[in-house]
Every structure is written in C-alpha cells, then in structure tokens.
Amino acid sequence: MKLVKLDEANVAVNAIEDPITKELVRYSLGLLVGKFVRWDADVDPVDLPEAPFDAAFYVRCMTQFLARHERIAGMLAGEIVDEFGGNNV
C-alpha cells in the first residue's frame, strides 16, 4: 500500500503542454494521492493496492486518455465507448 514515483509523476504533470489536459491529469493525480494519505474518509485500507502503485505510470496513462477531448466530450454526452477506445456499435 505504497505510492511510488510521485515526484516523477508531478514532473510529468507539469510538462503537459495542453492546459485542459494538464488540469484534468493534475486533478486526477490529486484524487489518487488522497486515497493513499487518507484525505478521503471513505477509503477503506483494504481497497488500496497490495503492491506499490506507480504514480508516474498512472500519470502517463491518464495523460493519454484525458488528451482525447473530443472522445471525452462524446462520452459525457452519452456516447458509448468500448474499453479499447473505439465506438461500440
């Protein structure tokens, strides 16, 4: 139940050029950190990962996902997207 590479994750967030993507990733990283430092009173320690959680990897993944603004706008409008990023038809 340990969060690792947080400094590297913060460097990666600060390097994101697009301001919208940067803010979305920064916010999601803050929520993640809150789970580990118990800012979130609803977190049961059993819900935390058993192995170290790589925050830098998380930021890289979230940056790729959250940079797809049009796709996210579609999902927020009710468009169904499959788990591999394509449209479900």
C-alpha atoms as a PDB file:
ATOM      1  CA  MET A   1       0.000   0.000   0.000  1.00  0.00           C
ATOM      2  CA  LYS A   2       2.648   2.441  -1.093  1.00  0.00           C
ATOM      3  CA  LEU A   3       2.521   5.187  -3.704  1.00  0.00           C
ATOM      4  CA  VAL A   4       5.822   5.360  -5.615  1.00  0.00           C
ATOM      5  CA  LYS A   5       7.353   7.747  -8.186  1.00  0.00           C
ATOM      6  CA  LEU A   6       5.197  10.676  -7.056  1.00  0.00           C
ATOM      7  CA  ASP A   7       7.954  13.212  -7.771  1.00  0.00           C
ATOM      8  CA  GLU A   8       8.308  11.814 -11.300  1.00  0.00           C
ATOM      9  CA  ALA A   9       4.527  11.981 -11.678  1.00  0.00           C
ATOM     10  CA  ASN A  10       4.450  15.653 -10.664  1.00  0.00           C
ATOM     11  CA  VAL A  11       7.231  16.460 -13.141  1.00  0.00           C
ATOM     12  CA  ALA A  12       5.224  14.720 -15.867  1.00  0.00           C
ATOM     13  CA  VAL A  13       2.086  16.693 -14.970  1.00  0.00           C
ATOM     14  CA  ASN A  14       3.986  19.976 -15.088  1.00  0.00           C
ATOM     15  CA  ALA A  15       5.353  19.046 -18.536  1.00  0.00           C
ATOM     16  CA  ILE A  16       1.886  18.648 -20.092  1.00  0.00           C
ATOM     17  CA  GLU A  17       1.509  21.498 -22.565  1.00  0.00           C
ATOM     18  CA  ASP A  18      -2.247  21.491 -23.113  1.00  0.00           C
ATOM     19  CA  PRO A  19      -3.817  23.401 -20.191  1.00  0.00           C
ATOM     20  CA  ILE A  20      -7.064  21.425 -20.166  1.00  0.00           C
ATOM     21  CA  THR A  21      -5.322  18.049 -20.190  1.00  0.00           C
ATOM     22  CA  LYS A  22      -2.864  19.296 -17.583  1.00  0.00           C
ATOM     23  CA  GLU A  23      -5.650  20.359 -15.210  1.00  0.00           C
ATOM     24  CA  LEU A  24      -7.583  17.110 -15.677  1.00  0.00           C
ATOM     25  CA  VAL A  25      -4.475  14.994 -15.008  1.00  0.00           C
ATOM     26  CA  ARG A  26      -3.438  17.196 -12.065  1.00  0.00           C
ATOM     27  CA  TYR A  27      -6.900  16.785 -10.537  1.00  0.00           C
ATOM     28  CA  SER A  28      -6.938  13.011 -11.046  1.00  0.00           C
ATOM     29  CA  LEU A  29      -3.459  12.699  -9.500  1.00  0.00           C
ATOM     30  CA  GLY A  30      -4.634  14.722  -6.503  1.00  0.00           C
ATOM     31  CA  LEU A  31      -7.571  12.354  -6.008  1.00  0.00           C
ATOM     32  CA  LEU A  32      -5.214   9.383  -6.253  1.00  0.00           C
ATOM     33  CA  VAL A  33      -2.816  10.843  -3.676  1.00  0.00           C
ATOM     34  CA  GLY A  34      -5.778  11.498  -1.401  1.00  0.00           C
ATOM     35  CA  LYS A  35      -6.611   7.805  -1.408  1.00  0.00           C
ATOM     36  CA  PHE A  36      -3.141   6.965  -0.119  1.00  0.00           C
ATOM     37  CA  VAL A  37      -2.853   9.696   2.516  1.00  0.00           C
ATOM     38  CA  ARG A  38      -6.420   9.200   3.708  1.00  0.00           C
ATOM     39  CA  TRP A  39      -7.759  12.632   2.712  1.00  0.00           C
ATOM     40  CA  ASP A  40     -10.715  10.649   1.510  1.00  0.00           C
ATOM     41  CA  ALA A  41     -12.509   9.399   4.627  1.00  0.00           C
ATOM     42  CA  ASP A  42     -14.472   6.894   2.546  1.00  0.00           C
ATOM     43  CA  VAL A  43     -11.370   4.838   1.677  1.00  0.00           C
ATOM     44  CA  ASP A  44     -11.064   1.511   3.387  1.00  0.00           C
ATOM     45  CA  PRO A  45      -7.383   0.499   3.626  1.00  0.00           C
ATOM     46  CA  VAL A  46      -8.424  -2.859   2.170  1.00  0.00           C
ATOM     47  CA  ASP A  47      -9.326  -1.031  -1.064  1.00  0.00           C
ATOM     48  CA  LEU A  48      -5.735   0.152  -1.597  1.00  0.00           C
ATOM     49  CA  PRO A  49      -3.394  -1.891  -3.819  1.00  0.00           C
ATOM     50  CA  GLU A  50      -1.286  -4.520  -2.123  1.00  0.00           C
ATOM     51  CA  ALA A  51       1.754  -3.790  -4.295  1.00  0.00           C
ATOM     52  CA  PRO A  52       3.445  -0.401  -4.762  1.00  0.00           C
ATOM     53  CA  PHE A  53       1.389   1.835  -7.054  1.00  0.00           C
ATOM     54  CA  ASP A  54       3.424   3.691  -9.718  1.00  0.00           C
ATOM     55  CA  ALA A  55       2.091   7.261  -9.824  1.00  0.00           C
ATOM     56  CA  ALA A  56       4.258   8.147 -12.850  1.00  0.00           C
ATOM     57  CA  PHE A  57       2.737   5.311 -14.871  1.00  0.00           C
ATOM     58  CA  TYR A  58      -0.727   6.452 -13.775  1.00  0.00           C
ATOM     59  CA  VAL A  59       0.002   9.994 -14.992  1.00  0.00           C
ATOM     60  CA  ARG A  60       1.270   8.729 -18.351  1.00  0.00           C
ATOM     61  CA  CYS A  61      -1.891   6.661 -18.830  1.00  0.00           C
ATOM     62  CA  MET A  62      -4.235   9.432 -17.707  1.00  0.00           C
ATOM     63  CA  THR A  63      -2.459  11.946 -19.957  1.00  0.00           C
ATOM     64  CA  GLN A  64      -3.051   9.737 -22.989  1.00  0.00           C
ATOM     65  CA  PHE A  65      -6.695   9.223 -22.062  1.00  0.00           C
ATOM     66  CA  LEU A  66      -7.534  12.770 -20.980  1.00  0.00           C
ATOM     67  CA  ALA A  67      -5.864  14.361 -24.017  1.00  0.00           C
ATOM     68  CA  ARG A  68      -8.712  12.956 -26.144  1.00  0.00           C
ATOM     69  CA  HIS A  69     -11.024  15.893 -25.507  1.00  0.00           C
ATOM     70  CA  GLU A  70     -13.450  15.096 -28.318  1.00  0.00           C
ATOM     71  CA  ARG A  71     -13.787  11.483 -27.153  1.00  0.00           C
ATOM     72  CA  ILE A  72     -14.398  12.590 -23.569  1.00  0.00           C
ATOM     73  CA  ALA A  73     -16.983  15.146 -24.720  1.00  0.00           C
ATOM     74  CA  GLY A  74     -18.774  12.355 -26.574  1.00  0.00           C
ATOM     75  CA  MET A  75     -18.775  10.119 -23.503  1.00  0.00           C
ATOM     76  CA  LEU A  76     -20.110  12.958 -21.353  1.00  0.00           C
ATOM     77  CA  ALA A  77     -22.881  13.383 -23.924  1.00  0.00           C
ATOM     78  CA  GLY A  78     -23.808   9.710 -23.577  1.00  0.00           C
ATOM     79  CA  GLU A  79     -21.787   8.116 -26.393  1.00  0.00           C
ATOM     80  CA  ILE A  80     -20.817   4.549 -25.539  1.00  0.00           C
ATOM     81  CA  VAL A  81     -17.127   3.726 -25.987  1.00  0.00           C
ATOM     82  CA  ASP A  82     -15.629   0.257 -25.634  1.00  0.00           C
ATOM     83  CA  GLU A  83     -12.761  -0.462 -23.259  1.00  0.00           C
ATOM     84  CA  PHE A  84     -10.212  -0.260 -26.093  1.00  0.00           C
ATOM     85  CA  GLY A  85     -11.219   3.273 -27.062  1.00  0.00           C
ATOM     86  CA  GLY A  86     -13.371   2.516 -30.092  1.00  0.00           C
ATOM     87  CA  ASN A  87     -17.045   3.235 -30.515  1.00  0.00           C
ATOM     88  CA  ASN A  88     -19.446   0.454 -29.626  1.00  0.00           C
ATOM     89  CA  VAL A  89     -21.848  -0.058 -32.469  1.00  0.00           C
END
